[in-house]
Amino acid sequence: MAVDKFSVEASHIMMFARSIGDGNQIYYDKEYAEAAEPGAIIAPPTFVQASAQFDSTYGLRPSMDGIGWMGSGSNPTSAIRREAPKTEEKDSEDGGRSRQSQGGGGLHAEQRYVYHRHPKVGDILTAASRPGESWERVGRRSGKLVFRESITEYRDQNGELVVTATSVGVTTERPVDQK
């Protein structure tokens, strides 16, 4: 989940560091950062993942649809709550719980980052994603597990590779049995 292109700004770095509870001066104090090994304010580890916040289609953010949201405009309305789809209840062997499908689910299994250099203030990072490896395993309770990598490369304004992020997702053949 990354936007195609985003600017690395000092305020973004500082807010990200605060959000993860990291008070290291290298993330906000220019004089301290210039005297440190990197020589500039740098972004904390995993900062590039926040690039998804710059994408207007990011699925975990409420839709704007021309309506003020969380302080935007002069009359904020907050987020609009959407109702979950209704499912049909029926008696079954699982104690009355029914599922819309008998297929399994998917989940985020792993995230890895390789830093080729520190992202820093002034960088304009471009993200390009591609599929990586995939493999299968068999679980006792979920059946076949399919693992898939997604590799995102973040390059700076000069085309130099800055960070490589590898995400691994897993889907199950069937829902895990409740015991």
N, C-alpha and C. Protein backbone atom coordinates (compact mmCIF):
# COMPACT_ATOMS: atom_id res chain seq x y z
N MET A 1 0.83 -1.17 0.00
CA MET A 1 0.00 0.00 0.00
C MET A 1 0.88 1.24 0.00
N ALA A 2 1.15 1.71 -1.14
CA ALA A 2 1.97 2.92 -1.19
C ALA A 2 1.45 3.81 -2.31
N VAL A 3 1.50 5.10 -2.07
CA VAL A 3 1.16 6.07 -3.09
C VAL A 3 2.30 6.09 -4.10
N ASP A 4 2.03 6.50 -5.33
CA ASP A 4 3.07 6.50 -6.35
C ASP A 4 4.22 7.44 -6.05
N LYS A 5 3.92 8.64 -5.49
CA LYS A 5 4.96 9.64 -5.27
C LYS A 5 4.59 10.49 -4.06
N PHE A 6 5.58 10.79 -3.21
CA PHE A 6 5.31 11.67 -2.07
C PHE A 6 6.59 12.36 -1.62
N SER A 7 6.41 13.56 -1.08
CA SER A 7 7.52 14.36 -0.58
C SER A 7 7.78 14.02 0.88
N VAL A 8 9.04 13.95 1.25
CA VAL A 8 9.42 13.72 2.64
C VAL A 8 9.65 15.10 3.26
N GLU A 9 8.77 15.47 4.18
CA GLU A 9 8.85 16.78 4.81
C GLU A 9 9.20 16.63 6.29
N ALA A 10 9.84 17.65 6.84
CA ALA A 10 10.24 17.62 8.25
C ALA A 10 9.05 17.40 9.17
N SER A 11 7.93 18.05 8.88
CA SER A 11 6.75 17.89 9.75
C SER A 11 6.20 16.47 9.69
N HIS A 12 6.26 15.82 8.51
CA HIS A 12 5.80 14.44 8.39
C HIS A 12 6.68 13.51 9.23
N ILE A 13 7.99 13.73 9.16
CA ILE A 13 8.92 12.90 9.92
C ILE A 13 8.67 13.08 11.42
N MET A 14 8.54 14.33 11.86
CA MET A 14 8.33 14.60 13.29
C MET A 14 7.02 13.96 13.76
N MET A 15 5.93 14.11 12.99
CA MET A 15 4.65 13.53 13.41
C MET A 15 4.70 12.01 13.43
N PHE A 16 5.38 11.41 12.46
CA PHE A 16 5.51 9.96 12.44
C PHE A 16 6.29 9.48 13.66
N ALA A 17 7.42 10.15 13.96
CA ALA A 17 8.23 9.77 15.13
C ALA A 17 7.40 9.88 16.41
N ARG A 18 6.62 10.96 16.53
CA ARG A 18 5.76 11.11 17.70
C ARG A 18 4.73 9.99 17.78
N SER A 19 4.15 9.64 16.64
CA SER A 19 3.10 8.62 16.63
C SER A 19 3.61 7.25 17.06
N ILE A 20 4.89 6.97 16.82
CA ILE A 20 5.45 5.68 17.24
C ILE A 20 6.18 5.79 18.58
N GLY A 21 6.14 6.99 19.16
CA GLY A 21 6.72 7.18 20.49
C GLY A 21 8.24 7.24 20.50
N ASP A 22 8.85 7.67 19.40
CA ASP A 22 10.31 7.74 19.32
C ASP A 22 10.74 9.20 19.39
N GLY A 23 11.36 9.58 20.50
CA GLY A 23 11.77 10.96 20.73
C GLY A 23 13.19 11.28 20.30
N ASN A 24 13.81 10.42 19.49
CA ASN A 24 15.18 10.66 19.07
C ASN A 24 15.28 11.99 18.34
N GLN A 25 16.23 12.82 18.75
CA GLN A 25 16.41 14.15 18.17
C GLN A 25 16.75 14.13 16.68
N ILE A 26 17.25 13.03 16.19
CA ILE A 26 17.63 12.92 14.78
C ILE A 26 16.41 13.12 13.87
N TYR A 27 15.20 12.97 14.45
CA TYR A 27 13.98 13.09 13.66
C TYR A 27 13.37 14.48 13.66
N TYR A 28 13.91 15.42 14.46
CA TYR A 28 13.28 16.74 14.49
C TYR A 28 14.23 17.92 14.76
N ASP A 29 15.39 17.67 15.30
CA ASP A 29 16.31 18.75 15.67
C ASP A 29 17.39 18.89 14.59
N LYS A 30 17.29 19.95 13.78
CA LYS A 30 18.18 20.13 12.64
C LYS A 30 19.65 20.21 13.05
N GLU A 31 19.96 21.00 14.09
CA GLU A 31 21.36 21.13 14.53
C GLU A 31 21.92 19.80 15.02
N TYR A 32 21.13 19.09 15.81
CA TYR A 32 21.56 17.78 16.31
C TYR A 32 21.80 16.83 15.13
N ALA A 33 20.85 16.81 14.19
CA ALA A 33 20.92 15.90 13.05
C ALA A 33 22.13 16.20 12.16
N GLU A 34 22.43 17.49 11.96
CA GLU A 34 23.57 17.85 11.12
C GLU A 34 24.89 17.42 11.75
N ALA A 35 24.96 17.37 13.08
CA ALA A 35 26.18 16.95 13.77
C ALA A 35 26.28 15.42 13.87
N ALA A 36 25.19 14.72 13.63
CA ALA A 36 25.17 13.25 13.73
C ALA A 36 25.68 12.64 12.42
N GLU A 37 25.90 11.33 12.44
CA GLU A 37 26.46 10.63 11.29
C GLU A 37 25.71 10.88 9.98
N PRO A 38 24.37 10.82 9.93
CA PRO A 38 23.69 11.04 8.65
C PRO A 38 23.83 12.48 8.12
N GLY A 39 24.06 13.45 9.01
CA GLY A 39 24.25 14.83 8.58
C GLY A 39 22.98 15.60 8.26
N ALA A 40 21.82 15.00 8.50
CA ALA A 40 20.54 15.66 8.20
C ALA A 40 19.43 14.96 8.98
N ILE A 41 18.29 15.63 9.09
CA ILE A 41 17.11 14.97 9.68
C ILE A 41 16.75 13.80 8.77
N ILE A 42 16.55 12.65 9.38
CA ILE A 42 16.19 11.45 8.63
C ILE A 42 14.84 10.93 9.12
N ALA A 43 14.25 10.05 8.34
CA ALA A 43 12.96 9.44 8.70
C ALA A 43 13.19 8.19 9.55
N PRO A 44 12.28 7.95 10.52
CA PRO A 44 12.38 6.73 11.33
C PRO A 44 12.15 5.46 10.49
N PRO A 45 12.58 4.32 10.99
CA PRO A 45 12.28 3.06 10.32
C PRO A 45 10.78 2.92 10.10
N THR A 46 10.40 2.33 9.03
CA THR A 46 9.02 2.07 8.58
C THR A 46 8.28 3.32 8.12
N PHE A 47 8.93 4.48 8.10
CA PHE A 47 8.28 5.73 7.68
C PHE A 47 7.64 5.61 6.30
N VAL A 48 8.29 4.92 5.38
CA VAL A 48 7.77 4.85 4.01
C VAL A 48 6.38 4.21 3.96
N GLN A 49 6.06 3.38 4.94
CA GLN A 49 4.73 2.76 4.97
C GLN A 49 3.64 3.82 5.13
N ALA A 50 3.97 4.94 5.76
CA ALA A 50 3.00 6.02 5.94
C ALA A 50 2.65 6.71 4.63
N SER A 51 3.36 6.39 3.56
CA SER A 51 3.04 7.00 2.27
C SER A 51 1.62 6.67 1.83
N ALA A 52 1.07 5.58 2.34
CA ALA A 52 -0.31 5.23 2.02
C ALA A 52 -1.28 6.33 2.43
N GLN A 53 -0.92 7.12 3.43
CA GLN A 53 -1.78 8.21 3.89
C GLN A 53 -1.92 9.30 2.84
N PHE A 54 -1.02 9.36 1.87
CA PHE A 54 -1.07 10.37 0.82
C PHE A 54 -1.93 9.92 -0.35
N ASP A 55 -2.41 8.70 -0.31
CA ASP A 55 -3.22 8.14 -1.39
C ASP A 55 -4.69 8.35 -1.09
N SER A 56 -5.40 9.06 -1.96
CA SER A 56 -6.82 9.36 -1.71
C SER A 56 -7.70 8.12 -1.78
N THR A 57 -7.18 7.02 -2.31
CA THR A 57 -7.99 5.80 -2.39
C THR A 57 -7.62 4.79 -1.31
N TYR A 58 -6.82 5.20 -0.33
CA TYR A 58 -6.40 4.30 0.74
C TYR A 58 -7.62 3.74 1.45
N GLY A 59 -7.76 2.44 1.48
CA GLY A 59 -8.97 1.78 1.95
C GLY A 59 -9.28 1.92 3.43
N LEU A 60 -8.31 2.29 4.27
CA LEU A 60 -8.58 2.38 5.69
C LEU A 60 -8.98 3.79 6.13
N ARG A 61 -9.12 4.71 5.17
CA ARG A 61 -9.53 6.07 5.49
C ARG A 61 -10.96 6.27 4.99
N PRO A 62 -11.80 6.97 5.76
CA PRO A 62 -13.17 7.22 5.29
C PRO A 62 -13.16 8.02 4.00
N SER A 63 -14.15 7.79 3.17
CA SER A 63 -14.27 8.51 1.91
C SER A 63 -14.59 9.97 2.17
N MET A 64 -13.94 10.87 1.46
CA MET A 64 -14.18 12.30 1.62
C MET A 64 -15.47 12.72 0.93
N ASP A 65 -15.71 12.27 -0.28
CA ASP A 65 -16.93 12.56 -1.04
C ASP A 65 -17.42 13.98 -0.89
N GLY A 66 -16.51 14.96 -0.85
CA GLY A 66 -16.90 16.36 -0.78
C GLY A 66 -17.44 16.80 0.57
N ILE A 67 -17.33 15.95 1.58
CA ILE A 67 -17.86 16.27 2.91
C ILE A 67 -16.68 16.53 3.83
N GLY A 68 -16.75 17.60 4.65
CA GLY A 68 -15.67 17.89 5.59
C GLY A 68 -15.44 16.72 6.52
N TRP A 69 -14.19 16.52 6.89
CA TRP A 69 -13.86 15.36 7.71
C TRP A 69 -12.77 15.71 8.71
N MET A 70 -13.00 15.46 9.98
CA MET A 70 -12.01 15.60 11.04
C MET A 70 -11.27 16.93 11.01
N GLY A 71 -12.03 18.01 11.05
CA GLY A 71 -11.41 19.32 11.15
C GLY A 71 -11.20 20.02 9.83
N SER A 72 -11.55 19.39 8.74
CA SER A 72 -11.38 20.08 7.47
C SER A 72 -12.54 21.05 7.26
N GLY A 73 -12.25 22.18 6.70
CA GLY A 73 -13.29 23.17 6.46
C GLY A 73 -13.69 23.88 7.74
N SER A 74 -14.71 24.73 7.64
CA SER A 74 -15.13 25.51 8.81
C SER A 74 -16.15 24.80 9.67
N ASN A 75 -16.73 23.72 9.18
CA ASN A 75 -17.76 23.01 9.93
C ASN A 75 -17.52 21.50 9.84
N PRO A 76 -16.54 20.97 10.59
CA PRO A 76 -16.20 19.55 10.47
C PRO A 76 -17.36 18.65 10.86
N THR A 77 -17.46 17.54 10.16
CA THR A 77 -18.55 16.62 10.40
C THR A 77 -18.10 15.29 10.97
N SER A 78 -16.82 15.05 11.04
CA SER A 78 -16.23 13.77 11.44
C SER A 78 -16.47 12.75 10.34
N ALA A 79 -16.11 11.53 10.61
CA ALA A 79 -16.23 10.49 9.59
C ALA A 79 -17.66 9.99 9.53
N ILE A 80 -18.07 9.58 8.35
CA ILE A 80 -19.40 9.01 8.17
C ILE A 80 -19.31 7.52 8.40
N ARG A 81 -20.09 7.02 9.32
CA ARG A 81 -20.08 5.59 9.62
C ARG A 81 -20.91 4.85 8.59
N ARG A 82 -20.37 3.80 8.04
CA ARG A 82 -21.09 2.98 7.08
C ARG A 82 -21.50 1.69 7.79
N GLU A 83 -22.72 1.25 7.52
CA GLU A 83 -23.19 0.02 8.16
C GLU A 83 -22.57 -1.19 7.48
N ALA A 84 -22.27 -2.19 8.29
CA ALA A 84 -21.74 -3.43 7.75
C ALA A 84 -22.85 -4.17 7.02
N PRO A 85 -22.52 -4.91 5.97
CA PRO A 85 -23.56 -5.67 5.27
C PRO A 85 -24.19 -6.68 6.20
N LYS A 86 -25.48 -6.86 6.05
CA LYS A 86 -26.21 -7.80 6.90
C LYS A 86 -26.01 -9.21 6.36
N THR A 87 -25.87 -10.16 7.28
CA THR A 87 -25.74 -11.55 6.89
C THR A 87 -26.92 -12.32 7.44
N GLU A 88 -27.27 -13.36 6.75
CA GLU A 88 -28.41 -14.17 7.15
C GLU A 88 -28.01 -15.10 8.29
N GLU A 89 -28.79 -15.08 9.38
CA GLU A 89 -28.54 -15.98 10.50
C GLU A 89 -29.28 -17.28 10.26
N LYS A 90 -28.66 -18.39 10.55
CA LYS A 90 -29.34 -19.67 10.44
C LYS A 90 -28.72 -20.64 11.43
N ASP A 91 -29.52 -21.61 11.83
CA ASP A 91 -29.01 -22.62 12.74
C ASP A 91 -28.00 -23.49 12.02
N SER A 92 -26.95 -23.79 12.70
CA SER A 92 -25.93 -24.65 12.11
C SER A 92 -25.15 -25.32 13.22
N GLU A 93 -24.25 -26.19 12.81
CA GLU A 93 -23.44 -26.90 13.79
C GLU A 93 -22.49 -25.99 14.53
N ASP A 94 -22.26 -24.78 14.02
CA ASP A 94 -21.31 -23.88 14.68
C ASP A 94 -22.00 -22.97 15.69
N GLY A 95 -23.13 -23.41 16.24
CA GLY A 95 -23.79 -22.65 17.30
C GLY A 95 -24.58 -21.46 16.80
N GLY A 96 -25.05 -21.51 15.55
CA GLY A 96 -25.85 -20.42 15.03
C GLY A 96 -25.07 -19.39 14.24
N ARG A 97 -23.75 -19.46 14.30
CA ARG A 97 -22.94 -18.53 13.51
C ARG A 97 -22.92 -19.03 12.07
N SER A 98 -23.16 -18.16 11.14
CA SER A 98 -23.07 -18.57 9.74
C SER A 98 -22.04 -17.72 9.04
N ARG A 99 -21.52 -18.22 7.98
CA ARG A 99 -20.52 -17.50 7.21
C ARG A 99 -21.08 -17.23 5.83
N GLN A 100 -20.68 -16.10 5.24
CA GLN A 100 -21.14 -15.79 3.89
C GLN A 100 -20.54 -16.75 2.88
N SER A 101 -19.32 -17.22 3.13
CA SER A 101 -18.70 -18.18 2.23
C SER A 101 -17.90 -19.15 3.07
N GLN A 102 -17.59 -20.26 2.49
CA GLN A 102 -16.80 -21.25 3.20
C GLN A 102 -15.32 -21.09 2.90
N GLY A 103 -14.95 -20.08 2.11
CA GLY A 103 -13.54 -19.82 1.80
C GLY A 103 -12.82 -19.30 3.02
N GLY A 104 -11.52 -19.28 2.94
CA GLY A 104 -10.71 -18.80 4.05
C GLY A 104 -10.56 -17.29 4.03
N GLY A 105 -9.65 -16.83 4.82
CA GLY A 105 -9.40 -15.40 4.90
C GLY A 105 -7.97 -15.08 4.56
N GLY A 106 -7.68 -13.81 4.58
CA GLY A 106 -6.33 -13.37 4.31
C GLY A 106 -5.82 -12.51 5.45
N LEU A 107 -4.51 -12.53 5.65
CA LEU A 107 -3.93 -11.68 6.68
C LEU A 107 -2.50 -11.32 6.33
N HIS A 108 -2.07 -10.25 6.97
CA HIS A 108 -0.71 -9.76 6.79
C HIS A 108 0.19 -10.63 7.66
N ALA A 109 1.18 -11.26 7.06
CA ALA A 109 2.01 -12.20 7.79
C ALA A 109 3.39 -11.65 8.18
N GLU A 110 3.94 -10.75 7.37
CA GLU A 110 5.32 -10.30 7.63
C GLU A 110 5.58 -9.02 6.85
N GLN A 111 6.49 -8.22 7.37
CA GLN A 111 6.95 -7.01 6.69
C GLN A 111 8.45 -6.88 6.92
N ARG A 112 9.21 -6.65 5.84
CA ARG A 112 10.66 -6.47 5.95
C ARG A 112 11.05 -5.21 5.20
N TYR A 113 12.07 -4.54 5.72
CA TYR A 113 12.59 -3.33 5.07
C TYR A 113 14.09 -3.47 4.89
N VAL A 114 14.57 -3.11 3.73
CA VAL A 114 16.01 -3.01 3.48
C VAL A 114 16.26 -1.55 3.16
N TYR A 115 17.14 -0.92 3.95
CA TYR A 115 17.47 0.49 3.77
C TYR A 115 18.78 0.60 3.00
N HIS A 116 18.70 1.21 1.84
CA HIS A 116 19.89 1.44 1.02
C HIS A 116 20.54 2.76 1.44
N ARG A 117 19.72 3.64 1.99
CA ARG A 117 20.15 4.85 2.68
C ARG A 117 18.94 5.38 3.44
N HIS A 118 19.17 6.34 4.34
CA HIS A 118 18.07 6.91 5.12
C HIS A 118 17.23 7.85 4.26
N PRO A 119 15.89 7.71 4.29
CA PRO A 119 15.06 8.76 3.67
C PRO A 119 15.26 10.04 4.48
N LYS A 120 15.34 11.18 3.78
CA LYS A 120 15.61 12.43 4.50
C LYS A 120 14.73 13.55 3.97
N VAL A 121 14.67 14.62 4.75
CA VAL A 121 13.88 15.79 4.38
C VAL A 121 14.32 16.27 3.00
N GLY A 122 13.35 16.55 2.16
CA GLY A 122 13.63 17.03 0.81
C GLY A 122 13.55 15.95 -0.24
N ASP A 123 13.61 14.69 0.16
CA ASP A 123 13.46 13.61 -0.82
C ASP A 123 12.05 13.63 -1.39
N ILE A 124 11.96 13.29 -2.65
CA ILE A 124 10.66 13.03 -3.27
C ILE A 124 10.73 11.57 -3.67
N LEU A 125 10.02 10.74 -2.92
CA LEU A 125 10.10 9.29 -3.14
C LEU A 125 9.00 8.82 -4.07
N THR A 126 9.39 7.95 -4.97
CA THR A 126 8.47 7.32 -5.90
C THR A 126 8.44 5.84 -5.56
N ALA A 127 7.24 5.28 -5.45
CA ALA A 127 7.09 3.87 -5.09
C ALA A 127 6.62 3.08 -6.30
N ALA A 128 7.22 1.93 -6.49
CA ALA A 128 6.80 1.00 -7.54
C ALA A 128 6.72 -0.38 -6.91
N SER A 129 5.57 -1.03 -7.08
CA SER A 129 5.35 -2.36 -6.48
C SER A 129 5.32 -3.43 -7.54
N ARG A 130 5.75 -4.60 -7.13
CA ARG A 130 5.73 -5.76 -8.01
C ARG A 130 5.55 -7.01 -7.16
N PRO A 131 5.02 -8.06 -7.74
CA PRO A 131 4.91 -9.30 -6.98
C PRO A 131 6.28 -9.92 -6.75
N GLY A 132 6.42 -10.60 -5.63
CA GLY A 132 7.65 -11.34 -5.32
C GLY A 132 7.38 -12.82 -5.42
N GLU A 133 7.99 -13.57 -4.54
CA GLU A 133 7.82 -15.02 -4.53
C GLU A 133 6.46 -15.41 -3.95
N SER A 134 6.04 -16.62 -4.21
CA SER A 134 4.86 -17.20 -3.56
C SER A 134 5.17 -18.65 -3.24
N TRP A 135 4.55 -19.15 -2.20
CA TRP A 135 4.77 -20.53 -1.78
C TRP A 135 3.57 -21.01 -1.00
N GLU A 136 3.49 -22.32 -0.80
CA GLU A 136 2.35 -22.92 -0.11
C GLU A 136 2.82 -23.80 1.04
N ARG A 137 1.98 -23.88 2.03
CA ARG A 137 2.15 -24.80 3.16
C ARG A 137 0.77 -25.37 3.47
N VAL A 138 0.73 -26.40 4.27
CA VAL A 138 -0.56 -26.96 4.69
C VAL A 138 -0.69 -26.79 6.19
N GLY A 139 -1.80 -26.19 6.60
CA GLY A 139 -2.09 -26.02 8.02
C GLY A 139 -3.03 -27.10 8.50
N ARG A 140 -2.91 -27.47 9.77
CA ARG A 140 -3.78 -28.52 10.32
C ARG A 140 -5.24 -28.08 10.36
N ARG A 141 -5.48 -26.79 10.68
CA ARG A 141 -6.85 -26.33 10.88
C ARG A 141 -7.40 -25.49 9.74
N SER A 142 -6.54 -24.99 8.87
CA SER A 142 -7.02 -24.09 7.82
C SER A 142 -6.83 -24.63 6.41
N GLY A 143 -6.23 -25.80 6.29
CA GLY A 143 -5.97 -26.34 4.96
C GLY A 143 -4.77 -25.67 4.32
N LYS A 144 -4.83 -25.52 3.01
CA LYS A 144 -3.71 -24.94 2.26
C LYS A 144 -3.55 -23.46 2.62
N LEU A 145 -2.30 -23.07 2.88
CA LEU A 145 -1.94 -21.68 3.13
C LEU A 145 -1.12 -21.20 1.94
N VAL A 146 -1.51 -20.10 1.34
CA VAL A 146 -0.78 -19.56 0.20
C VAL A 146 -0.15 -18.24 0.64
N PHE A 147 1.17 -18.18 0.59
CA PHE A 147 1.94 -17.00 0.96
C PHE A 147 2.36 -16.27 -0.31
N ARG A 148 2.20 -14.93 -0.31
CA ARG A 148 2.59 -14.13 -1.47
C ARG A 148 3.34 -12.89 -1.01
N GLU A 149 4.46 -12.62 -1.67
CA GLU A 149 5.22 -11.41 -1.39
C GLU A 149 4.78 -10.29 -2.34
N SER A 150 4.82 -9.09 -1.81
CA SER A 150 4.67 -7.89 -2.62
C SER A 150 5.87 -7.01 -2.29
N ILE A 151 6.61 -6.63 -3.30
CA ILE A 151 7.84 -5.86 -3.10
C ILE A 151 7.62 -4.44 -3.61
N THR A 152 7.88 -3.47 -2.74
CA THR A 152 7.77 -2.06 -3.12
C THR A 152 9.14 -1.42 -3.00
N GLU A 153 9.58 -0.82 -4.09
CA GLU A 153 10.85 -0.11 -4.10
C GLU A 153 10.57 1.38 -4.07
N TYR A 154 11.21 2.07 -3.14
CA TYR A 154 11.09 3.53 -3.00
C TYR A 154 12.38 4.14 -3.54
N ARG A 155 12.25 4.97 -4.56
CA ARG A 155 13.39 5.64 -5.19
C ARG A 155 13.27 7.14 -4.98
N ASP A 156 14.41 7.80 -4.89
CA ASP A 156 14.39 9.25 -4.70
C ASP A 156 14.26 9.98 -6.03
N GLN A 157 14.29 11.30 -5.96
CA GLN A 157 14.12 12.16 -7.13
C GLN A 157 15.20 11.95 -8.20
N ASN A 158 16.31 11.31 -7.83
CA ASN A 158 17.38 11.01 -8.78
C ASN A 158 17.30 9.58 -9.31
N GLY A 159 16.26 8.86 -8.88
CA GLY A 159 16.10 7.47 -9.32
C GLY A 159 16.89 6.47 -8.50
N GLU A 160 17.56 6.94 -7.43
CA GLU A 160 18.36 6.03 -6.60
C GLU A 160 17.46 5.28 -5.62
N LEU A 161 17.74 4.00 -5.46
CA LEU A 161 16.98 3.17 -4.55
C LEU A 161 17.26 3.57 -3.11
N VAL A 162 16.19 3.85 -2.35
CA VAL A 162 16.32 4.29 -0.96
C VAL A 162 15.90 3.17 -0.01
N VAL A 163 14.71 2.60 -0.22
CA VAL A 163 14.19 1.55 0.65
C VAL A 163 13.49 0.50 -0.20
N THR A 164 13.67 -0.76 0.17
CA THR A 164 12.91 -1.86 -0.42
C THR A 164 12.06 -2.46 0.70
N ALA A 165 10.75 -2.45 0.50
CA ALA A 165 9.82 -3.01 1.50
C ALA A 165 9.20 -4.28 0.92
N THR A 166 9.25 -5.35 1.69
CA THR A 166 8.66 -6.62 1.26
C THR A 166 7.56 -6.99 2.24
N SER A 167 6.36 -7.13 1.72
CA SER A 167 5.19 -7.50 2.52
C SER A 167 4.80 -8.92 2.15
N VAL A 168 4.46 -9.72 3.14
CA VAL A 168 4.02 -11.09 2.89
C VAL A 168 2.59 -11.22 3.41
N GLY A 169 1.70 -11.64 2.52
CA GLY A 169 0.32 -11.92 2.89
C GLY A 169 0.07 -13.41 2.80
N VAL A 170 -0.91 -13.87 3.55
CA VAL A 170 -1.26 -15.29 3.50
C VAL A 170 -2.77 -15.43 3.41
N THR A 171 -3.21 -16.33 2.55
CA THR A 171 -4.62 -16.66 2.47
C THR A 171 -4.78 -18.13 2.83
N THR A 172 -5.91 -18.43 3.45
CA THR A 172 -6.18 -19.79 3.88
C THR A 172 -7.23 -20.42 2.98
N GLU A 173 -7.18 -21.73 2.88
CA GLU A 173 -8.12 -22.45 2.04
C GLU A 173 -9.53 -22.40 2.63
N ARG A 174 -9.61 -22.44 3.94
CA ARG A 174 -10.91 -22.41 4.62
C ARG A 174 -10.74 -21.71 5.96
N PRO A 175 -11.83 -21.24 6.55
CA PRO A 175 -11.74 -20.59 7.85
C PRO A 175 -11.13 -21.54 8.88
N VAL A 176 -10.38 -20.99 9.81
CA VAL A 176 -9.78 -21.81 10.87
C VAL A 176 -10.90 -22.33 11.74
N ASP A 177 -10.87 -23.64 12.03
CA ASP A 177 -11.89 -24.25 12.88
C ASP A 177 -11.82 -23.67 14.28
N GLN A 178 -12.98 -23.35 14.84
CA GLN A 178 -13.07 -22.87 16.23
C GLN A 178 -13.06 -24.08 17.15
N LYS A 179 -12.23 -24.09 18.17
CA LYS A 179 -12.21 -25.24 19.09
C LYS A 179 -12.47 -24.79 20.49
